[in-house]
Amino acid sequence: MMKSFPSKIDRWLKEMKNISSSSEQSKDLLNFSEDPEILFKYIKVAAKAGQIDKVERVTRESNFYNPEKTKKFLIKAKLRDAQPLINVCDRFGFVPELTQYLYSNNMLSDIEGYAQKVNPGNAPLVVGQLLDDKCPEDFINGLILSSRSLLTIEPLVAEFEKRNRLQLLTQFLEHLGSEGSQDIHVHNALGKIIIDSNNNPEHFLTTNPYYDSRVVGKYCEERDPTLAVVAYRRGQCDKELINVTNKHALFKQQARYVVERMDGDLWDMVLNPENEFRRQLIDQVESTEGNSLHQRRSWIPRRPINAN
């Protein structure tokens, strides 16, 4: 039976111009086939016959067609209904190519339908491709605002950040913040925007309780290391703060931090004889933090601070 099946489907494919009269037969044959080539023939002939519903069904239900080959065919075919292409691209991870196709063919309602209803989880990928395609900002912002309750913030922010377009999310993120969102990714992104715009970033870094000190501190390091110190200090990120202050010779800030922290492990770290910046720290502590340390004389570092 299997041996005669290819010839049977071939005969049937030749009759596809009258496909509307062979609905049940095509359904049975389609369910039976696991051959990618037969399925591709089915898709091509059905598409050329204008039977989009049948193309839509096989792209939605079959697990055996070649997704790459089918995607390329459907893009070239430019069917009046994009749903078969949406099925293929959504199922097999071709979302950027889908978005590019829909946008270049002015199928904006299909973009909205996909991002809002079909798979909101892929909306960040859609928006990222729209940014690459120079889509008007008004459409992108509208898409985000209309989908906001369905959006996952972290990947959305990542798409904007890797394109250096994070500023475009300002209104959206501020709106979430004003509604009381405590999502760490919302506040990390807001912090980055405020840092880049130099809009009183130190106030944000010292008063906002929701951002991740390590993430935002790292973002600050190459922009303004003194702001990185503020972020790391807020989160008591000892290793990160010591590293950034050593790297940028910010020993005054480092001395103030270790004296304020009065943590034995931290003192052991900075007073370790193998620490190449040990001498600079000791000099700074004696110069600017001596009184503070004297006032805390009941607490003594495990390593003597004036040790050679």
C-alpha atoms as a PDB file:
ATOM      1  CA  MET A   1       0.000   0.000   0.000  1.00  0.00           C
ATOM      2  CA  MET A   2       2.794   2.422   0.897  1.00  0.00           C
ATOM      3  CA  LYS A   3       4.482   1.720  -2.406  1.00  0.00           C
ATOM      4  CA  SER A   4       1.480   2.871  -4.438  1.00  0.00           C
ATOM      5  CA  PHE A   5       0.831   5.942  -2.312  1.00  0.00           C
ATOM      6  CA  PRO A   6       3.245   8.345  -4.103  1.00  0.00           C
ATOM      7  CA  SER A   7       1.727   7.580  -7.474  1.00  0.00           C
ATOM      8  CA  LYS A   8      -1.734   7.975  -5.997  1.00  0.00           C
ATOM      9  CA  ILE A   9      -0.925  11.396  -4.591  1.00  0.00           C
ATOM     10  CA  ASP A  10       0.747  12.388  -7.854  1.00  0.00           C
ATOM     11  CA  ARG A  11      -2.427  11.540  -9.769  1.00  0.00           C
ATOM     12  CA  TRP A  12      -4.435  13.433  -7.244  1.00  0.00           C
ATOM     13  CA  LEU A  13      -2.153  16.450  -7.469  1.00  0.00           C
ATOM     14  CA  LYS A  14      -2.697  16.622 -11.214  1.00  0.00           C
ATOM     15  CA  GLU A  15      -6.390  16.977 -10.541  1.00  0.00           C
ATOM     16  CA  MET A  16      -5.949  19.779  -8.036  1.00  0.00           C
ATOM     17  CA  LYS A  17      -7.383  22.402 -10.366  1.00  0.00           C
ATOM     18  CA  ASN A  18     -10.687  20.846  -9.360  1.00  0.00           C
ATOM     19  CA  ILE A  19      -9.597  20.659  -5.749  1.00  0.00           C
ATOM     20  CA  SER A  20     -12.899  21.859  -4.324  1.00  0.00           C
ATOM     21  CA  SER A  21     -14.523  18.599  -5.403  1.00  0.00           C
ATOM     22  CA  SER A  22     -11.847  16.435  -3.778  1.00  0.00           C
ATOM     23  CA  SER A  23     -11.905  17.839  -0.257  1.00  0.00           C
ATOM     24  CA  GLU A  24     -12.376  14.564   1.639  1.00  0.00           C
ATOM     25  CA  GLN A  25      -9.856  12.711  -0.548  1.00  0.00           C
ATOM     26  CA  SER A  26      -7.212  15.392  -0.039  1.00  0.00           C
ATOM     27  CA  LYS A  27      -7.867  15.349   3.695  1.00  0.00           C
ATOM     28  CA  ASP A  28      -7.315  11.591   3.889  1.00  0.00           C
ATOM     29  CA  LEU A  29      -4.169  11.709   1.785  1.00  0.00           C
ATOM     30  CA  LEU A  30      -2.766  14.594   3.785  1.00  0.00           C
ATOM     31  CA  ASN A  31      -3.312  12.812   7.082  1.00  0.00           C
ATOM     32  CA  PHE A  32      -1.578   9.750   5.705  1.00  0.00           C
ATOM     33  CA  SER A  33       1.519  11.448   4.276  1.00  0.00           C
ATOM     34  CA  GLU A  34       4.776  11.921   6.149  1.00  0.00           C
ATOM     35  CA  ASP A  35       6.722  12.669   2.988  1.00  0.00           C
ATOM     36  CA  PRO A  36       7.974  16.302   2.889  1.00  0.00           C
ATOM     37  CA  GLU A  37       8.100  16.319  -0.907  1.00  0.00           C
ATOM     38  CA  ILE A  38       4.498  15.187  -1.270  1.00  0.00           C
ATOM     39  CA  LEU A  39       3.394  17.773   1.256  1.00  0.00           C
ATOM     40  CA  PHE A  40       5.338  20.485  -0.555  1.00  0.00           C
ATOM     41  CA  LYS A  41       3.661  19.499  -3.835  1.00  0.00           C
ATOM     42  CA  TYR A  42       0.329  19.715  -2.055  1.00  0.00           C
ATOM     43  CA  ILE A  43       1.119  23.211  -0.758  1.00  0.00           C
ATOM     44  CA  LYS A  44       2.301  24.466  -4.155  1.00  0.00           C
ATOM     45  CA  VAL A  45      -0.621  23.114  -6.147  1.00  0.00           C
ATOM     46  CA  ALA A  46      -3.206  24.221  -3.584  1.00  0.00           C
ATOM     47  CA  ALA A  47      -1.688  27.708  -3.484  1.00  0.00           C
ATOM     48  CA  LYS A  48      -1.674  28.011  -7.274  1.00  0.00           C
ATOM     49  CA  ALA A  49      -5.287  26.811  -7.353  1.00  0.00           C
ATOM     50  CA  GLY A  50      -6.240  29.552  -4.888  1.00  0.00           C
ATOM     51  CA  GLN A  51      -7.236  27.067  -2.187  1.00  0.00           C
ATOM     52  CA  ILE A  52      -5.684  29.042   0.664  1.00  0.00           C
ATOM     53  CA  ASP A  53      -7.695  27.240   3.340  1.00  0.00           C
ATOM     54  CA  LYS A  54      -5.980  23.984   2.407  1.00  0.00           C
ATOM     55  CA  VAL A  55      -2.538  25.589   2.477  1.00  0.00           C
ATOM     56  CA  GLU A  56      -3.422  27.069   5.852  1.00  0.00           C
ATOM     57  CA  ARG A  57      -4.471  23.680   7.189  1.00  0.00           C
ATOM     58  CA  VAL A  58      -1.345  21.790   6.186  1.00  0.00           C
ATOM     59  CA  THR A  59       0.979  24.531   7.479  1.00  0.00           C
ATOM     60  CA  ARG A  60      -0.908  24.539  10.775  1.00  0.00           C
ATOM     61  CA  GLU A  61      -1.385  20.805  11.338  1.00  0.00           C
ATOM     62  CA  SER A  62       1.356  18.849   9.589  1.00  0.00           C
ATOM     63  CA  ASN A  63       4.667  18.129  11.300  1.00  0.00           C
ATOM     64  CA  PHE A  64       6.343  16.730   8.212  1.00  0.00           C
ATOM     65  CA  TYR A  65       6.691  19.493   5.637  1.00  0.00           C
ATOM     66  CA  ASN A  66      10.013  21.282   5.126  1.00  0.00           C
ATOM     67  CA  PRO A  67       9.593  24.626   6.949  1.00  0.00           C
ATOM     68  CA  GLU A  68      12.482  26.466   5.261  1.00  0.00           C
ATOM     69  CA  LYS A  69      11.424  25.418   1.762  1.00  0.00           C
ATOM     70  CA  THR A  70       7.774  26.173   2.487  1.00  0.00           C
ATOM     71  CA  LYS A  71       8.580  29.585   3.972  1.00  0.00           C
ATOM     72  CA  LYS A  72      10.558  30.603   0.887  1.00  0.00           C
ATOM     73  CA  PHE A  73       7.778  29.438  -1.426  1.00  0.00           C
ATOM     74  CA  LEU A  74       5.069  31.303   0.493  1.00  0.00           C
ATOM     75  CA  ILE A  75       7.108  34.512   0.604  1.00  0.00           C
ATOM     76  CA  LYS A  76       7.591  34.342  -3.143  1.00  0.00           C
ATOM     77  CA  ALA A  77       3.955  33.368  -3.798  1.00  0.00           C
ATOM     78  CA  LYS A  78       2.563  36.423  -1.941  1.00  0.00           C
ATOM     79  CA  LEU A  79      -0.802  34.852  -1.195  1.00  0.00           C
ATOM     80  CA  ARG A  80      -3.697  37.212  -0.522  1.00  0.00           C
ATOM     81  CA  ASP A  81      -3.959  35.722   2.980  1.00  0.00           C
ATOM     82  CA  ALA A  82      -0.773  35.674   5.066  1.00  0.00           C
ATOM     83  CA  GLN A  83      -2.035  33.053   7.541  1.00  0.00           C
ATOM     84  CA  PRO A  84      -0.163  30.087   5.977  1.00  0.00           C
ATOM     85  CA  LEU A  85       3.105  32.027   6.175  1.00  0.00           C
ATOM     86  CA  ILE A  86       2.254  33.101   9.719  1.00  0.00           C
ATOM     87  CA  ASN A  87       1.721  29.439  10.643  1.00  0.00           C
ATOM     88  CA  VAL A  88       5.105  28.387   9.272  1.00  0.00           C
ATOM     89  CA  CYS A  89       7.073  31.280  10.729  1.00  0.00           C
ATOM     90  CA  ASP A  90       5.430  31.092  14.142  1.00  0.00           C
ATOM     91  CA  ARG A  91       5.897  27.336  14.460  1.00  0.00           C
ATOM     92  CA  PHE A  92       9.486  27.213  13.235  1.00  0.00           C
ATOM     93  CA  GLY A  93      11.071  30.415  14.508  1.00  0.00           C
ATOM     94  CA  PHE A  94      11.064  32.672  11.446  1.00  0.00           C
ATOM     95  CA  VAL A  95       9.399  35.615  13.187  1.00  0.00           C
ATOM     96  CA  PRO A  96      11.818  38.348  12.005  1.00  0.00           C
ATOM     97  CA  GLU A  97      11.405  37.220   8.381  1.00  0.00           C
ATOM     98  CA  LEU A  98       7.645  37.098   8.817  1.00  0.00           C
ATOM     99  CA  THR A  99       7.637  40.631  10.220  1.00  0.00           C
ATOM    100  CA  GLN A 100       9.828  41.925   7.426  1.00  0.00           C
ATOM    101  CA  TYR A 101       7.519  40.362   4.821  1.00  0.00           C
ATOM    102  CA  LEU A 102       4.346  41.734   6.391  1.00  0.00           C
ATOM    103  CA  TYR A 103       5.791  45.211   6.848  1.00  0.00           C
ATOM    104  CA  SER A 104       7.259  45.424   3.354  1.00  0.00           C
ATOM    105  CA  ASN A 105       3.874  44.432   1.932  1.00  0.00           C
ATOM    106  CA  ASN A 106       1.999  46.954   4.106  1.00  0.00           C
ATOM    107  CA  MET A 107       0.139  44.189   5.969  1.00  0.00           C
ATOM    108  CA  LEU A 108       0.111  46.135   9.219  1.00  0.00           C
ATOM    109  CA  SER A 109      -3.118  44.615  10.512  1.00  0.00           C
ATOM    110  CA  ASP A 110      -1.540  41.164  10.207  1.00  0.00           C
ATOM    111  CA  ILE A 111       1.416  42.372  12.272  1.00  0.00           C
ATOM    112  CA  GLU A 112      -0.964  43.654  14.949  1.00  0.00           C
ATOM    113  CA  GLY A 113      -2.994  40.451  14.886  1.00  0.00           C
ATOM    114  CA  TYR A 114       0.086  38.282  15.248  1.00  0.00           C
ATOM    115  CA  ALA A 115       1.641  40.297  18.085  1.00  0.00           C
ATOM    116  CA  GLN A 116      -1.584  40.810  20.001  1.00  0.00           C
ATOM    117  CA  LYS A 117      -3.486  37.558  19.459  1.00  0.00           C
ATOM    118  CA  VAL A 118      -1.533  34.777  17.762  1.00  0.00           C
ATOM    119  CA  ASN A 119       1.641  34.852  19.841  1.00  0.00           C
ATOM    120  CA  PRO A 120       2.172  37.867  22.137  1.00  0.00           C
ATOM    121  CA  GLY A 121       5.272  36.143  23.486  1.00  0.00           C
ATOM    122  CA  ASN A 122       6.987  36.871  20.173  1.00  0.00           C
ATOM    123  CA  ALA A 123       5.992  40.548  20.148  1.00  0.00           C
ATOM    124  CA  PRO A 124       9.522  41.629  21.190  1.00  0.00           C
ATOM    125  CA  LEU A 125      10.946  39.908  18.091  1.00  0.00           C
ATOM    126  CA  VAL A 126       8.336  41.626  15.948  1.00  0.00           C
ATOM    127  CA  VAL A 127       9.169  45.033  17.401  1.00  0.00           C
ATOM    128  CA  GLY A 128      12.894  44.422  17.017  1.00  0.00           C
ATOM    129  CA  GLN A 129      12.490  43.683  13.310  1.00  0.00           C
ATOM    130  CA  LEU A 130      10.253  46.727  12.863  1.00  0.00           C
ATOM    131  CA  LEU A 131      13.038  48.846  14.343  1.00  0.00           C
ATOM    132  CA  ASP A 132      15.475  47.350  11.834  1.00  0.00           C
ATOM    133  CA  ASP A 133      13.043  48.056   9.014  1.00  0.00           C
ATOM    134  CA  LYS A 134      12.798  51.759   9.994  1.00  0.00           C
ATOM    135  CA  CYS A 135       9.123  51.447  10.807  1.00  0.00           C
ATOM    136  CA  PRO A 136       7.572  54.732  12.049  1.00  0.00           C
ATOM    137  CA  GLU A 137       7.875  55.117  15.804  1.00  0.00           C
ATOM    138  CA  ASP A 138       4.163  55.885  16.159  1.00  0.00           C
ATOM    139  CA  PHE A 139       3.210  52.449  14.854  1.00  0.00           C
ATOM    140  CA  ILE A 140       5.759  50.703  17.098  1.00  0.00           C
ATOM    141  CA  ASN A 141       4.627  52.628  20.179  1.00  0.00           C
ATOM    142  CA  GLY A 142       1.007  51.928  19.356  1.00  0.00           C
ATOM    143  CA  LEU A 143       1.720  48.228  18.983  1.00  0.00           C
ATOM    144  CA  ILE A 144       3.481  48.134  22.344  1.00  0.00           C
ATOM    145  CA  LEU A 145       0.806  50.103  24.171  1.00  0.00           C
ATOM    146  CA  SER A 146      -2.017  48.011  22.717  1.00  0.00           C
ATOM    147  CA  SER A 147      -0.226  44.791  23.718  1.00  0.00           C
ATOM    148  CA  ARG A 148       1.240  45.907  27.015  1.00  0.00           C
ATOM    149  CA  SER A 149      -0.710  43.590  29.314  1.00  0.00           C
ATOM    150  CA  LEU A 150       0.523  40.634  27.240  1.00  0.00           C
ATOM    151  CA  LEU A 151       4.154  41.681  26.841  1.00  0.00           C
ATOM    152  CA  THR A 152       7.128  40.124  28.588  1.00  0.00           C
ATOM    153  CA  ILE A 153       9.255  43.098  29.626  1.00  0.00           C
ATOM    154  CA  GLU A 154      12.751  41.576  29.727  1.00  0.00           C
ATOM    155  CA  PRO A 155      12.970  40.442  26.066  1.00  0.00           C
ATOM    156  CA  LEU A 156      11.216  43.623  24.913  1.00  0.00           C
ATOM    157  CA  VAL A 157      13.819  45.780  26.649  1.00  0.00           C
ATOM    158  CA  ALA A 158      16.611  43.600  25.260  1.00  0.00           C
ATOM    159  CA  GLU A 159      15.445  44.174  21.661  1.00  0.00           C
ATOM    160  CA  PHE A 160      15.549  47.940  22.137  1.00  0.00           C
ATOM    161  CA  GLU A 161      18.770  47.981  24.124  1.00  0.00           C
ATOM    162  CA  LYS A 162      20.840  45.987  21.640  1.00  0.00           C
ATOM    163  CA  ARG A 163      19.834  48.503  18.975  1.00  0.00           C
ATOM    164  CA  ASN A 164      20.602  51.499  21.216  1.00  0.00           C
ATOM    165  CA  ARG A 165      16.950  52.560  21.023  1.00  0.00           C
ATOM    166  CA  LEU A 166      15.975  52.128  24.672  1.00  0.00           C
ATOM    167  CA  GLN A 167      14.880  55.768  24.836  1.00  0.00           C
ATOM    168  CA  LEU A 168      11.838  54.896  22.709  1.00  0.00           C
ATOM    169  CA  LEU A 169      10.430  52.877  25.598  1.00  0.00           C
ATOM    170  CA  THR A 170      10.478  55.811  28.026  1.00  0.00           C
ATOM    171  CA  GLN A 171       6.742  56.595  27.908  1.00  0.00           C
ATOM    172  CA  PHE A 172       5.746  52.953  28.128  1.00  0.00           C
ATOM    173  CA  LEU A 173       8.047  52.202  31.069  1.00  0.00           C
ATOM    174  CA  GLU A 174       7.140  55.374  32.964  1.00  0.00           C
ATOM    175  CA  HIS A 175       3.490  54.467  32.566  1.00  0.00           C
ATOM    176  CA  LEU A 176       4.118  51.026  34.051  1.00  0.00           C
ATOM    177  CA  GLY A 177       6.056  52.597  36.905  1.00  0.00           C
ATOM    178  CA  SER A 178       3.284  55.087  37.635  1.00  0.00           C
ATOM    179  CA  GLU A 179       0.829  52.186  37.798  1.00  0.00           C
ATOM    180  CA  GLY A 180       2.904  50.663  40.578  1.00  0.00           C
ATOM    181  CA  SER A 181       4.860  48.039  38.671  1.00  0.00           C
ATOM    182  CA  GLN A 182       7.665  46.537  40.726  1.00  0.00           C
ATOM    183  CA  ASP A 183       9.008  44.500  37.799  1.00  0.00           C
ATOM    184  CA  ILE A 184      12.782  44.594  38.118  1.00  0.00           C
ATOM    185  CA  HIS A 185      13.203  44.760  34.332  1.00  0.00           C
ATOM    186  CA  VAL A 186      10.985  47.848  34.128  1.00  0.00           C
ATOM    187  CA  HIS A 187      13.114  49.646  36.686  1.00  0.00           C
ATOM    188  CA  ASN A 188      16.426  48.439  35.270  1.00  0.00           C
ATOM    189  CA  ALA A 189      15.428  49.888  31.914  1.00  0.00           C
ATOM    190  CA  LEU A 190      14.205  53.143  33.451  1.00  0.00           C
ATOM    191  CA  GLY A 191      17.514  53.452  35.271  1.00  0.00           C
ATOM    192  CA  LYS A 192      19.474  52.978  32.055  1.00  0.00           C
ATOM    193  CA  ILE A 193      17.375  55.602  30.270  1.00  0.00           C
ATOM    194  CA  ILE A 194      17.853  58.095  33.088  1.00  0.00           C
ATOM    195  CA  ILE A 195      21.600  57.439  33.139  1.00  0.00           C
ATOM    196  CA  ASP A 196      21.921  57.946  29.378  1.00  0.00           C
ATOM    197  CA  SER A 197      19.872  61.146  29.493  1.00  0.00           C
ATOM    198  CA  ASN A 198      21.745  62.389  32.591  1.00  0.00           C
ATOM    199  CA  ASN A 199      18.399  63.213  34.180  1.00  0.00           C
ATOM    200  CA  ASN A 200      19.482  63.327  37.837  1.00  0.00           C
ATOM    201  CA  PRO A 201      20.639  59.682  37.766  1.00  0.00           C
ATOM    202  CA  GLU A 202      22.060  59.713  41.302  1.00  0.00           C
ATOM    203  CA  HIS A 203      18.607  60.441  42.704  1.00  0.00           C
ATOM    204  CA  PHE A 204      17.181  57.424  40.892  1.00  0.00           C
ATOM    205  CA  LEU A 205      20.052  55.172  41.950  1.00  0.00           C
ATOM    206  CA  THR A 206      19.716  56.084  45.629  1.00  0.00           C
ATOM    207  CA  THR A 207      15.914  56.184  45.934  1.00  0.00           C
ATOM    208  CA  ASN A 208      14.492  53.552  43.594  1.00  0.00           C
ATOM    209  CA  PRO A 209      14.065  50.285  45.527  1.00  0.00           C
ATOM    210  CA  TYR A 210      13.288  47.988  42.593  1.00  0.00           C
ATOM    211  CA  TYR A 211      16.222  47.945  40.179  1.00  0.00           C
ATOM    212  CA  ASP A 212      19.004  45.342  40.192  1.00  0.00           C
ATOM    213  CA  SER A 213      22.170  47.006  41.485  1.00  0.00           C
ATOM    214  CA  ARG A 214      24.510  44.656  39.638  1.00  0.00           C
ATOM    215  CA  VAL A 215      22.756  45.070  36.288  1.00  0.00           C
ATOM    216  CA  VAL A 216      22.465  48.857  36.441  1.00  0.00           C
ATOM    217  CA  GLY A 217      25.889  49.245  38.036  1.00  0.00           C
ATOM    218  CA  LYS A 218      27.476  47.296  35.193  1.00  0.00           C
ATOM    219  CA  TYR A 219      25.658  49.514  32.710  1.00  0.00           C
ATOM    220  CA  CYS A 220      27.118  52.587  34.423  1.00  0.00           C
ATOM    221  CA  GLU A 221      30.721  51.408  34.465  1.00  0.00           C
ATOM    222  CA  GLU A 222      31.760  52.555  30.989  1.00  0.00           C
ATOM    223  CA  ARG A 223      29.501  55.604  31.079  1.00  0.00           C
ATOM    224  CA  ASP A 224      30.227  57.046  34.510  1.00  0.00           C
ATOM    225  CA  PRO A 225      32.049  54.837  37.018  1.00  0.00           C
ATOM    226  CA  THR A 226      31.070  57.110  39.904  1.00  0.00           C
ATOM    227  CA  LEU A 227      27.439  56.202  39.205  1.00  0.00           C
ATOM    228  CA  ALA A 228      28.407  52.538  39.163  1.00  0.00           C
ATOM    229  CA  VAL A 229      29.774  53.049  42.683  1.00  0.00           C
ATOM    230  CA  VAL A 230      26.424  54.519  43.765  1.00  0.00           C
ATOM    231  CA  ALA A 231      24.524  51.539  42.356  1.00  0.00           C
ATOM    232  CA  TYR A 232      26.901  48.946  43.810  1.00  0.00           C
ATOM    233  CA  ARG A 233      26.927  50.711  47.164  1.00  0.00           C
ATOM    234  CA  ARG A 234      23.138  50.642  47.297  1.00  0.00           C
ATOM    235  CA  GLY A 235      23.124  46.884  46.684  1.00  0.00           C
ATOM    236  CA  GLN A 236      26.210  46.127  48.822  1.00  0.00           C
ATOM    237  CA  CYS A 237      27.868  44.558  45.775  1.00  0.00           C
ATOM    238  CA  ASP A 238      31.284  44.391  47.404  1.00  0.00           C
ATOM    239  CA  LYS A 239      33.346  42.703  44.698  1.00  0.00           C
ATOM    240  CA  GLU A 240      31.875  44.808  41.902  1.00  0.00           C
ATOM    241  CA  LEU A 241      32.429  48.054  43.815  1.00  0.00           C
ATOM    242  CA  ILE A 242      36.030  47.173  44.689  1.00  0.00           C
ATOM    243  CA  ASN A 243      36.767  46.206  41.078  1.00  0.00           C
ATOM    244  CA  VAL A 244      35.356  49.403  39.565  1.00  0.00           C
ATOM    245  CA  THR A 245      37.036  51.675  42.103  1.00  0.00           C
ATOM    246  CA  ASN A 246      40.371  49.909  41.579  1.00  0.00           C
ATOM    247  CA  LYS A 247      40.022  50.122  37.799  1.00  0.00           C
ATOM    248  CA  HIS A 248      39.267  53.856  37.831  1.00  0.00           C
ATOM    249  CA  ALA A 249      41.419  54.805  40.864  1.00  0.00           C
ATOM    250  CA  LEU A 250      38.389  55.870  42.888  1.00  0.00           C
ATOM    251  CA  PHE A 251      40.065  55.094  46.204  1.00  0.00           C
ATOM    252  CA  LYS A 252      38.275  57.812  48.142  1.00  0.00           C
ATOM    253  CA  GLN A 253      34.920  56.199  47.331  1.00  0.00           C
ATOM    254  CA  GLN A 254      36.360  52.770  48.078  1.00  0.00           C
ATOM    255  CA  ALA A 255      37.720  53.891  51.456  1.00  0.00           C
ATOM    256  CA  ARG A 256      34.394  55.430  52.436  1.00  0.00           C
ATOM    257  CA  TYR A 257      32.551  52.269  51.450  1.00  0.00           C
ATOM    258  CA  VAL A 258      34.715  49.791  53.349  1.00  0.00           C
ATOM    259  CA  VAL A 259      34.654  51.972  56.469  1.00  0.00           C
ATOM    260  CA  GLU A 260      30.857  52.309  56.287  1.00  0.00           C
ATOM    261  CA  ARG A 261      30.356  48.597  55.653  1.00  0.00           C
ATOM    262  CA  MET A 262      32.616  47.422  58.474  1.00  0.00           C
ATOM    263  CA  ASP A 263      32.422  43.888  57.132  1.00  0.00           C
ATOM    264  CA  GLY A 264      35.177  41.450  58.076  1.00  0.00           C
ATOM    265  CA  ASP A 265      35.217  39.617  54.760  1.00  0.00           C
ATOM    266  CA  LEU A 266      35.377  42.894  52.854  1.00  0.00           C
ATOM    267  CA  TRP A 267      38.306  44.133  54.951  1.00  0.00           C
ATOM    268  CA  ASP A 268      40.070  40.823  54.360  1.00  0.00           C
ATOM    269  CA  MET A 269      39.603  41.295  50.637  1.00  0.00           C
ATOM    270  CA  VAL A 270      41.003  44.815  50.413  1.00  0.00           C
ATOM    271  CA  LEU A 271      43.820  44.311  52.953  1.00  0.00           C
ATOM    272  CA  ASN A 272      44.998  41.067  51.405  1.00  0.00           C
ATOM    273  CA  PRO A 273      48.768  41.403  50.774  1.00  0.00           C
ATOM    274  CA  GLU A 274      48.183  40.177  47.215  1.00  0.00           C
ATOM    275  CA  ASN A 275      45.878  43.124  46.483  1.00  0.00           C
ATOM    276  CA  GLU A 276      47.981  45.422  44.286  1.00  0.00           C
ATOM    277  CA  PHE A 277      45.844  48.414  45.284  1.00  0.00           C
ATOM    278  CA  ARG A 278      46.152  47.794  49.037  1.00  0.00           C
ATOM    279  CA  ARG A 279      48.555  50.653  49.695  1.00  0.00           C
ATOM    280  CA  GLN A 280      46.396  53.209  47.900  1.00  0.00           C
ATOM    281  CA  LEU A 281      43.382  52.172  49.956  1.00  0.00           C
ATOM    282  CA  ILE A 282      45.263  52.331  53.250  1.00  0.00           C
ATOM    283  CA  ASP A 283      46.569  55.812  52.428  1.00  0.00           C
ATOM    284  CA  GLN A 284      43.064  56.971  51.537  1.00  0.00           C
ATOM    285  CA  VAL A 285      41.517  55.514  54.689  1.00  0.00           C
ATOM    286  CA  GLU A 286      44.125  57.236  56.841  1.00  0.00           C
ATOM    287  CA  SER A 287      43.715  60.494  54.920  1.00  0.00           C
ATOM    288  CA  THR A 288      39.958  60.876  54.712  1.00  0.00           C
ATOM    289  CA  GLU A 289      38.285  58.196  56.824  1.00  0.00           C
ATOM    290  CA  GLY A 290      40.511  58.142  59.887  1.00  0.00           C
ATOM    291  CA  ASN A 291      38.009  59.942  62.106  1.00  0.00           C
ATOM    292  CA  SER A 292      35.172  57.655  61.048  1.00  0.00           C
ATOM    293  CA  LEU A 293      37.316  54.610  61.721  1.00  0.00           C
ATOM    294  CA  HIS A 294      38.378  56.009  65.096  1.00  0.00           C
ATOM    295  CA  GLN A 295      34.745  56.516  66.074  1.00  0.00           C
ATOM    296  CA  ARG A 296      34.191  52.834  65.348  1.00  0.00           C
ATOM    297  CA  ARG A 297      37.207  51.734  67.369  1.00  0.00           C
ATOM    298  CA  SER A 298      35.122  49.021  69.034  1.00  0.00           C
ATOM    299  CA  TRP A 299      35.236  47.262  65.645  1.00  0.00           C
ATOM    300  CA  ILE A 300      38.686  46.169  64.488  1.00  0.00           C
ATOM    301  CA  PRO A 301      39.500  44.670  61.067  1.00  0.00           C
ATOM    302  CA  ARG A 302      40.854  41.141  61.253  1.00  0.00           C
ATOM    303  CA  ARG A 303      43.852  42.371  59.233  1.00  0.00           C
ATOM    304  CA  PRO A 304      45.577  45.407  60.814  1.00  0.00           C
ATOM    305  CA  ILE A 305      44.943  48.408  58.588  1.00  0.00           C
ATOM    306  CA  ASN A 306      48.449  49.811  59.022  1.00  0.00           C
ATOM    307  CA  ALA A 307      50.171  46.528  58.282  1.00  0.00           C
ATOM    308  CA  ASN A 308      53.018  46.777  55.775  1.00  0.00           C
END
